[in-house]
Amino acid sequence: MIFGICPECNQKSYEYGWCKPCNSKHFQNDFNKWTSGNDKIDKFIQDAQQNVNGRWEAMEWIPYDRFKDVKQIGEGGFGTIHHARWIDGFIEKWDIENQQFKRYCNYGNEGVEVALKKFDNFVNFNDVLNEMAIHLKTQNKYDTSIRFFGITQDPETHSYMMVLEYAEDGNLREYLKINFNNINWKQKLEHLWRLSYSLRSIHKLDIVHQDFHPGNILSRNFNAYIQISDFGLSKLIGANPNNPDKKNIFGVLPYIAPEVLSGEEEYTKAADVYSFGIVAYEMFTGFPPYPNIPHDKDLAMKVCNGLRPKIPFHTPKLITRMIMRCWDARVTHRPTLEELNNELKKYYYDDDFEKEIEKDSEITIKTPLDYKTHPQAIYTSRLLNYSNLPKPKNEENFERELEELTESTSALIASKLHVPNF
């Protein structure tokens, strides 16, 4: 049942098996049965439980002893990621007969795979709460973000940990390394369209991701889902102690917009669009940006002066144009995620675009992804404070090339394409 009458209160509030008024009471009745040992964490969880609109938003305090086979699988700018088996499984719906929440376990009675995100001790506790609040706000039934099941605490270090959905297929960069030559143009287009939808949903909440790159794009199954993770990490750094008026810049250098690198502007939705353009380049070429040079101040200066990754000649003109618009140094010339999502959806469903692909691209080309990465080419988030960078500008021929692309594709862009509504 998707919509209907709640069998418990007999009100029309039953959606996907979830009644918000009833379940808010069930959560509240259990408030005295658990504690994290921290009043702020307790209040955060309790407030969240009183506002759960569906099972995809249900989160809770989870004692650490409910996890088995915990092992570290990754490391980021602010902490470590661990894989674990949660023996109870996550909340699915209320079991009226047994008067308790029914849980889902995809391994029978052996639990469900999860990822535990453990923050380093230097990270400010209030910033951890802010990260959790932002992530929780992005959760919806459309799988925009990796699901946030709850909070636990490492008994040895006393560090709090986010309990997250485990992405079996890993992140986008790992996926492209292994699968790139087995993904056709249509599939790449679909991946990018779904990703634009997720980032558009986040922007609609007036959230700017600020650390958008393939390492933060995850999936449990790339054939069906693309989800976003690590929200608000750049905010954790705070003000620069040497210059309180200048905010620190944090992220992966090749994906950071030039106006942010130079300090001309703070991070905006348009800066996320720039990052999306670099991700789109990587999606269609298989190559990470600037793999063979150091990611240092010299690269930052070149980016501000208009350096961009080289788009292969066989890339469809409409895709080349879209990517170039995203990484235009003129911030106001970049499209919004709403525009990008609509554009990609049109291309995906339009037969004329498939003909354009056949005309503009050499589909049989297989890209060898055995590129060598420079030891100083760093694709994890870090602090990047470079002073005296030039004011951002485009390369000399950029604007002319973009205008020519627009003219050559104007007929297809202007055509009325049938797009299904959903």
Protein backbone atom coordinates (compact mmCIF):
# COMPACT_ATOMS: atom_id res chain seq x y z
CA MET A 1 0.00 0.00 0.00
CA ILE A 2 1.32 3.47 -0.89
CA PHE A 3 -1.50 5.70 0.37
CA GLY A 4 -4.41 4.77 2.57
CA ILE A 5 -5.93 4.60 6.04
CA CYS A 6 -3.64 3.93 8.96
CA PRO A 7 -4.88 0.71 10.66
CA GLU A 8 -3.83 2.13 14.02
CA CYS A 9 -5.43 5.59 14.09
CA ASN A 10 -7.85 5.19 11.14
CA GLN A 11 -6.70 8.49 9.65
CA LYS A 12 -5.64 9.23 6.06
CA SER A 13 -1.99 9.51 6.92
CA TYR A 14 -0.63 6.23 5.70
CA GLU A 15 2.06 6.58 3.02
CA TYR A 16 4.36 3.73 2.04
CA GLY A 17 3.30 1.94 5.21
CA TRP A 18 4.24 4.89 7.44
CA CYS A 19 1.92 6.99 9.64
CA LYS A 20 3.76 10.09 10.85
CA PRO A 21 1.49 10.97 13.84
CA CYS A 22 1.44 7.42 15.18
CA ASN A 23 5.13 6.75 14.70
CA SER A 24 6.09 10.06 16.29
CA LYS A 25 4.32 8.82 19.43
CA HIS A 26 6.04 5.43 19.23
CA PHE A 27 9.44 7.11 19.02
CA GLN A 28 8.57 9.43 21.92
CA ASN A 29 7.47 6.53 24.11
CA ASP A 30 10.98 5.10 23.76
CA PHE A 31 12.88 8.28 24.61
CA ASN A 32 13.58 7.07 28.17
CA LYS A 33 14.86 3.69 26.95
CA TRP A 34 18.07 4.96 25.36
CA THR A 35 20.70 7.70 25.58
CA SER A 36 23.86 8.55 23.70
CA GLY A 37 25.36 10.02 26.84
CA ASN A 38 25.32 13.46 25.22
CA ASP A 39 22.36 15.84 25.58
CA LYS A 40 22.92 17.49 22.18
CA ILE A 41 23.03 14.14 20.38
CA ASP A 42 19.93 12.95 22.24
CA LYS A 43 18.01 16.10 21.31
CA PHE A 44 19.14 15.89 17.68
CA ILE A 45 17.87 12.32 17.37
CA GLN A 46 14.63 13.01 19.26
CA ASP A 47 13.84 16.07 17.13
CA ALA A 48 14.53 14.05 13.98
CA GLN A 49 12.28 11.21 15.14
CA GLN A 50 9.39 13.59 15.74
CA ASN A 51 9.54 14.75 12.12
CA VAL A 52 9.95 11.51 10.17
CA ASN A 53 7.79 11.66 7.01
CA GLY A 54 8.60 8.15 5.81
CA ARG A 55 10.78 5.17 6.60
CA TRP A 56 13.61 6.62 4.48
CA GLU A 57 14.00 9.36 7.13
CA ALA A 58 13.85 7.13 10.22
CA MET A 59 17.04 7.40 12.28
CA GLU A 60 18.02 6.38 15.83
CA TRP A 61 20.73 5.93 18.45
CA ILE A 62 22.48 2.61 17.81
CA PRO A 63 24.70 1.06 20.51
CA TYR A 64 28.10 0.11 19.10
CA ASP A 65 27.72 -3.51 20.21
CA ARG A 66 24.96 -3.93 17.60
CA PHE A 67 27.66 -3.89 14.91
CA LYS A 68 29.78 -6.89 13.96
CA ASP A 69 32.86 -7.34 11.75
CA VAL A 70 33.83 -3.65 11.83
CA LYS A 71 36.80 -2.86 9.59
CA GLN A 72 38.23 0.32 8.08
CA ILE A 73 37.77 0.64 4.32
CA GLY A 74 38.62 4.26 3.58
CA GLU A 75 40.01 7.55 4.78
CA GLY A 76 38.96 11.11 4.03
CA GLY A 77 39.79 14.65 5.00
CA PHE A 78 37.94 14.53 8.31
CA GLY A 79 38.03 10.91 9.40
CA THR A 80 37.71 7.29 8.38
CA ILE A 81 35.05 5.06 6.83
CA HIS A 82 34.37 1.58 8.18
CA HIS A 83 32.33 -1.33 6.88
CA ALA A 84 30.17 -3.21 9.40
CA ARG A 85 27.23 -5.55 9.74
CA TRP A 86 24.33 -4.08 11.73
CA ILE A 87 22.70 -7.14 13.25
CA ASP A 88 19.31 -5.50 13.92
CA GLY A 89 18.74 -3.87 10.54
CA PHE A 90 16.97 -0.57 9.92
CA ILE A 91 13.45 0.52 10.85
CA GLU A 92 10.87 -0.26 8.19
CA LYS A 93 7.42 0.22 9.78
CA TRP A 94 5.40 -0.24 12.96
CA ASP A 95 4.34 -3.79 13.81
CA ILE A 96 0.90 -3.34 15.41
CA GLU A 97 0.62 -6.95 16.53
CA ASN A 98 3.96 -7.00 18.38
CA GLN A 99 3.90 -3.30 19.32
CA GLN A 100 7.40 -2.58 18.06
CA PHE A 101 9.14 -1.33 14.94
CA LYS A 102 9.61 -3.96 12.28
CA ARG A 103 13.16 -3.99 10.93
CA TYR A 104 14.64 -4.92 7.60
CA CYS A 105 17.60 -7.28 7.32
CA ASN A 106 18.83 -8.26 3.89
CA TYR A 107 20.79 -11.20 5.28
CA GLY A 108 17.91 -12.97 6.97
CA ASN A 109 18.61 -12.70 10.68
CA GLU A 110 22.25 -11.74 10.16
CA GLY A 111 21.73 -8.01 9.70
CA VAL A 112 22.44 -5.41 7.03
CA GLU A 113 25.69 -3.97 5.66
CA VAL A 114 26.38 -0.37 6.68
CA ALA A 115 29.16 2.19 6.54
CA LEU A 116 30.33 3.92 9.71
CA LYS A 117 31.72 7.42 9.22
CA LYS A 118 34.05 8.23 12.09
CA PHE A 119 35.13 11.84 12.61
CA ASP A 120 38.67 12.75 13.64
CA ASN A 121 39.10 14.18 17.12
CA PHE A 122 40.12 17.62 15.80
CA VAL A 123 36.71 18.16 14.19
CA ASN A 124 34.52 20.53 16.19
CA PHE A 125 31.54 18.74 17.76
CA ASN A 126 29.05 21.40 16.66
CA ASP A 127 30.30 21.06 13.09
CA VAL A 128 29.71 17.31 13.30
CA LEU A 129 26.11 18.00 14.33
CA ASN A 130 25.78 20.47 11.45
CA GLU A 131 27.04 17.86 8.98
CA MET A 132 24.48 15.38 10.32
CA ALA A 133 21.66 17.92 10.14
CA ILE A 134 22.45 18.81 6.52
CA HIS A 135 22.65 15.15 5.51
CA LEU A 136 19.36 14.36 7.24
CA LYS A 137 17.66 17.26 5.45
CA THR A 138 18.63 15.88 2.04
CA GLN A 139 17.09 12.45 2.59
CA ASN A 140 14.01 11.62 0.53
CA LYS A 141 12.26 8.69 -1.10
CA TYR A 142 14.05 9.39 -4.39
CA ASP A 143 17.48 8.28 -3.11
CA THR A 144 19.05 11.71 -3.53
CA SER A 145 21.61 11.02 -0.82
CA ILE A 146 23.11 8.02 0.91
CA ARG A 147 20.70 7.01 3.66
CA PHE A 148 21.54 8.10 7.22
CA PHE A 149 20.33 5.40 9.64
CA GLY A 150 21.55 6.84 12.92
CA ILE A 151 24.44 7.63 15.24
CA THR A 152 26.75 5.44 17.29
CA GLN A 153 29.92 5.93 19.32
CA ASP A 154 33.29 4.19 19.22
CA PRO A 155 33.75 2.89 22.80
CA GLU A 156 37.56 3.18 22.58
CA THR A 157 38.01 6.68 21.13
CA HIS A 158 34.56 8.00 22.17
CA SER A 159 34.22 9.50 18.67
CA TYR A 160 30.68 9.75 17.37
CA MET A 161 30.00 7.99 14.08
CA MET A 162 27.33 8.36 11.42
CA VAL A 163 25.69 5.06 10.46
CA LEU A 164 25.13 5.21 6.70
CA GLU A 165 23.88 3.04 3.88
CA TYR A 166 26.68 0.93 2.45
CA ALA A 167 27.36 1.69 -1.22
CA GLU A 168 28.28 -1.70 -2.67
CA ASP A 169 29.35 -0.29 -6.05
CA GLY A 170 31.64 2.25 -4.38
CA ASN A 171 32.25 5.76 -5.66
CA LEU A 172 32.00 7.09 -9.19
CA ARG A 173 35.75 7.23 -9.84
CA GLU A 174 36.21 3.57 -8.87
CA TYR A 175 33.20 2.63 -10.98
CA LEU A 176 34.50 4.46 -14.06
CA LYS A 177 37.97 2.91 -13.70
CA ILE A 178 36.51 -0.58 -13.87
CA ASN A 179 33.49 -0.12 -16.12
CA PHE A 180 34.13 2.86 -18.40
CA ASN A 181 34.64 0.94 -21.63
CA ASN A 182 31.52 -1.12 -20.98
CA ILE A 183 29.25 1.93 -20.63
CA ASN A 184 27.76 3.34 -23.83
CA TRP A 185 26.95 7.01 -24.45
CA LYS A 186 23.30 6.52 -23.56
CA GLN A 187 24.20 5.01 -20.17
CA LYS A 188 26.70 7.78 -19.42
CA LEU A 189 24.02 10.30 -20.27
CA GLU A 190 21.56 8.57 -17.95
CA HIS A 191 24.09 8.53 -15.09
CA LEU A 192 24.70 12.25 -15.53
CA TRP A 193 21.01 13.04 -15.80
CA ARG A 194 20.26 11.16 -12.55
CA LEU A 195 23.17 12.91 -10.86
CA SER A 196 21.90 16.32 -11.99
CA TYR A 197 18.50 15.43 -10.53
CA SER A 198 20.05 14.62 -7.15
CA LEU A 199 22.15 17.79 -7.03
CA ARG A 200 19.16 19.84 -8.21
CA SER A 201 17.12 18.42 -5.31
CA ILE A 202 19.84 19.52 -2.89
CA HIS A 203 19.95 23.02 -4.38
CA LYS A 204 16.18 23.27 -4.02
CA LEU A 205 16.74 22.93 -0.27
CA ASP A 206 19.12 25.92 -0.48
CA ILE A 207 22.04 23.66 0.33
CA VAL A 208 25.34 24.10 -1.45
CA HIS A 209 27.39 20.91 -1.40
CA GLN A 210 30.81 22.62 -1.56
CA ASP A 211 32.79 19.39 -1.97
CA PHE A 212 31.26 17.83 -5.08
CA HIS A 213 33.55 15.32 -6.80
CA PRO A 214 33.42 11.62 -7.84
CA GLY A 215 34.70 10.42 -4.46
CA ASN A 216 31.50 11.79 -2.90
CA ILE A 217 29.21 10.27 -5.53
CA LEU A 218 28.27 6.76 -4.42
CA SER A 219 25.91 3.94 -5.32
CA ARG A 220 24.80 0.53 -4.17
CA ASN A 221 23.99 -0.17 -7.83
CA PHE A 222 25.08 2.28 -10.54
CA ASN A 223 22.61 0.72 -12.97
CA ALA A 224 19.75 2.09 -10.88
CA TYR A 225 20.94 4.74 -8.41
CA ILE A 226 23.40 7.58 -8.05
CA GLN A 227 23.60 9.12 -4.60
CA ILE A 228 25.50 11.99 -3.03
CA SER A 229 27.38 11.91 0.27
CA ASP A 230 29.53 14.13 2.54
CA PHE A 231 27.42 17.25 3.00
CA GLY A 232 28.81 20.48 4.33
CA LEU A 233 32.37 19.23 4.92
CA SER A 234 33.90 22.48 3.76
CA LYS A 235 32.09 24.29 6.56
CA LEU A 236 33.89 22.26 9.19
CA ILE A 237 37.15 24.15 8.75
CA GLY A 238 35.79 27.51 9.87
CA ALA A 239 37.56 30.85 9.72
CA ASN A 240 41.21 31.25 8.83
CA PRO A 241 42.98 32.08 12.13
CA ASN A 242 45.59 34.17 10.27
CA ASN A 243 42.94 36.22 8.49
CA PRO A 244 39.44 36.09 10.05
CA ASP A 245 38.01 37.98 7.08
CA LYS A 246 39.08 35.29 4.60
CA LYS A 247 37.40 31.89 4.85
CA ASN A 248 39.42 28.75 4.39
CA ILE A 249 38.98 26.80 1.16
CA PHE A 250 38.60 23.07 1.46
CA GLY A 251 38.09 20.46 -1.23
CA VAL A 252 39.63 18.69 -4.22
CA LEU A 253 41.45 21.36 -6.24
CA PRO A 254 40.47 20.32 -9.82
CA TYR A 255 36.76 20.48 -8.92
CA ILE A 256 36.82 23.87 -7.17
CA ALA A 257 35.52 26.85 -9.14
CA PRO A 258 38.14 29.53 -9.94
CA GLU A 259 36.19 32.30 -8.19
CA VAL A 260 36.32 30.23 -4.98
CA LEU A 261 40.03 29.43 -5.36
CA SER A 262 40.88 33.09 -5.90
CA GLY A 263 38.68 34.32 -3.05
CA GLU A 264 36.64 36.47 -5.44
CA GLU A 265 33.41 34.87 -4.23
CA GLU A 266 32.21 32.50 -1.53
CA TYR A 267 30.90 29.09 -2.45
CA THR A 268 27.57 29.31 -4.29
CA LYS A 269 25.28 27.04 -6.27
CA ALA A 270 27.14 28.22 -9.37
CA ALA A 271 30.35 26.81 -7.86
CA ASP A 272 28.62 23.44 -7.51
CA VAL A 273 27.68 23.73 -11.20
CA TYR A 274 31.37 24.20 -12.06
CA SER A 275 32.15 21.02 -10.11
CA PHE A 276 29.33 19.25 -11.94
CA GLY A 277 30.94 20.24 -15.24
CA ILE A 278 34.24 18.65 -14.22
CA VAL A 279 32.38 15.51 -13.11
CA ALA A 280 30.55 15.46 -16.46
CA TYR A 281 33.91 15.65 -18.25
CA GLU A 282 35.11 12.67 -16.20
CA MET A 283 31.90 10.75 -16.88
CA PHE A 284 32.28 11.09 -20.65
CA THR A 285 36.06 10.70 -20.91
CA GLY A 286 36.89 8.30 -18.08
CA PHE A 287 39.83 10.48 -17.02
CA PRO A 288 40.10 12.46 -13.78
CA PRO A 289 41.07 16.11 -14.38
CA TYR A 290 44.80 16.92 -14.49
CA PRO A 291 46.10 13.48 -13.45
CA ASN A 292 49.68 14.01 -14.64
CA ILE A 293 50.60 17.25 -12.83
CA PRO A 294 50.86 18.36 -9.19
CA HIS A 295 47.69 19.77 -7.66
CA ASP A 296 49.39 22.81 -6.19
CA LYS A 297 49.31 26.60 -6.32
CA ASP A 298 50.65 26.58 -9.89
CA LEU A 299 47.61 24.56 -11.03
CA ALA A 300 45.29 26.86 -9.06
CA MET A 301 46.80 29.88 -10.87
CA LYS A 302 46.35 28.18 -14.25
CA VAL A 303 42.70 27.34 -13.47
CA CYS A 304 42.07 30.98 -12.54
CA ASN A 305 43.68 31.95 -15.85
CA GLY A 306 41.30 29.69 -17.76
CA LEU A 307 42.91 26.24 -17.86
CA ARG A 308 40.34 23.47 -18.22
CA PRO A 309 40.62 19.72 -19.03
CA LYS A 310 40.81 18.99 -22.76
CA ILE A 311 37.52 17.57 -24.08
CA PRO A 312 38.16 14.85 -26.72
CA PHE A 313 37.13 15.73 -30.28
CA HIS A 314 34.76 12.76 -30.54
CA THR A 315 32.57 14.01 -27.68
CA PRO A 316 29.09 14.99 -28.95
CA LYS A 317 28.88 18.74 -29.56
CA LEU A 318 25.85 19.16 -27.29
CA ILE A 319 27.72 17.53 -24.41
CA THR A 320 30.87 19.57 -25.08
CA ARG A 321 28.76 22.74 -25.05
CA MET A 322 27.04 21.77 -21.79
CA ILE A 323 30.35 21.02 -20.05
CA MET A 324 31.94 24.27 -21.25
CA ARG A 325 28.96 26.29 -20.02
CA CYS A 326 29.36 24.70 -16.57
CA TRP A 327 33.00 25.68 -16.21
CA ASP A 328 32.73 29.16 -17.74
CA ALA A 329 34.73 31.63 -15.62
CA ARG A 330 31.83 34.06 -16.01
CA VAL A 331 29.72 32.84 -13.10
CA THR A 332 26.45 34.32 -14.35
CA HIS A 333 26.84 32.47 -17.68
CA ARG A 334 26.70 29.05 -16.04
CA PRO A 335 23.41 27.12 -16.19
CA THR A 336 21.49 26.21 -13.06
CA LEU A 337 21.02 22.59 -11.99
CA GLU A 338 17.37 22.97 -12.97
CA GLU A 339 18.42 23.88 -16.52
CA LEU A 340 21.03 21.13 -16.65
CA ASN A 341 18.58 18.51 -15.47
CA ASN A 342 16.00 19.54 -18.07
CA GLU A 343 18.64 19.63 -20.81
CA LEU A 344 20.03 16.19 -19.97
CA LYS A 345 16.54 14.72 -19.73
CA LYS A 346 15.72 16.04 -23.21
CA TYR A 347 18.89 14.55 -24.65
CA TYR A 348 18.25 11.21 -23.00
CA TYR A 349 14.72 10.84 -24.40
CA ASP A 350 15.28 12.41 -27.82
CA ASP A 351 15.98 10.26 -30.90
CA ASP A 352 17.62 13.20 -32.66
CA PHE A 353 20.28 13.33 -29.98
CA GLU A 354 21.17 9.68 -30.62
CA LYS A 355 21.62 10.56 -34.29
CA GLU A 356 23.79 13.49 -33.21
CA ILE A 357 25.94 11.11 -31.17
CA GLU A 358 26.41 8.84 -34.16
CA LYS A 359 27.36 11.80 -36.32
CA ASP A 360 29.70 13.55 -33.87
CA SER A 361 31.35 10.68 -32.04
CA GLU A 362 33.41 7.64 -32.77
CA ILE A 363 31.49 5.29 -30.56
CA THR A 364 33.80 2.37 -31.26
CA ILE A 365 36.75 4.15 -29.66
CA LYS A 366 37.84 2.47 -26.44
CA THR A 367 39.70 4.71 -24.05
CA PRO A 368 42.66 3.07 -22.34
CA LEU A 369 42.38 4.06 -18.71
CA ASP A 370 45.89 3.03 -17.76
CA TYR A 371 46.89 6.66 -17.13
CA LYS A 372 49.59 7.40 -14.58
CA THR A 373 48.71 9.66 -11.69
CA HIS A 374 51.32 12.14 -10.50
CA PRO A 375 52.22 11.55 -6.83
CA GLN A 376 51.09 15.10 -6.07
CA ALA A 377 47.80 14.80 -7.94
CA ILE A 378 45.51 14.58 -4.91
CA TYR A 379 41.85 13.59 -5.29
CA THR A 380 40.83 13.71 -1.62
CA SER A 381 39.53 16.82 0.14
CA ARG A 382 42.07 18.99 1.93
CA LEU A 383 42.77 22.54 3.00
CA LEU A 384 43.73 24.79 0.06
CA ASN A 385 44.68 28.32 1.00
CA TYR A 386 46.54 29.97 -1.87
CA SER A 387 47.17 33.72 -1.72
CA ASN A 388 47.52 36.22 -4.55
CA LEU A 389 45.71 34.20 -7.20
CA PRO A 390 44.64 36.13 -10.32
CA LYS A 391 41.08 37.19 -10.99
CA PRO A 392 39.32 34.35 -12.85
CA LYS A 393 39.06 34.57 -16.61
CA ASN A 394 38.48 32.26 -19.58
CA GLU A 395 41.24 31.24 -21.97
CA GLU A 396 41.60 33.41 -25.06
CA ASN A 397 39.53 31.27 -27.45
CA PHE A 398 37.06 29.85 -24.93
CA GLU A 399 34.18 32.25 -25.50
CA ARG A 400 34.52 32.15 -29.28
CA GLU A 401 34.53 28.33 -29.28
CA LEU A 402 31.50 28.22 -27.00
CA GLU A 403 29.63 30.67 -29.23
CA GLU A 404 30.46 28.58 -32.32
CA LEU A 405 29.25 25.43 -30.58
CA THR A 406 26.00 27.16 -29.66
CA GLU A 407 25.45 28.30 -33.24
CA SER A 408 26.16 24.86 -34.71
CA THR A 409 23.75 23.13 -32.30
CA SER A 410 21.09 25.83 -32.13
CA ALA A 411 18.57 23.99 -34.29
CA LEU A 412 18.56 20.94 -32.05
CA ILE A 413 18.63 23.02 -28.86
CA ALA A 414 15.66 25.09 -30.01
CA SER A 415 13.61 22.15 -31.21
CA LYS A 416 10.62 21.12 -29.19
CA LEU A 417 11.47 17.76 -27.75
CA HIS A 418 8.91 15.48 -26.16
CA VAL A 419 9.91 14.82 -22.56
CA PRO A 420 7.80 12.65 -20.23
CA ASN A 421 6.66 14.33 -17.05
CA PHE A 422 7.75 12.87 -13.68
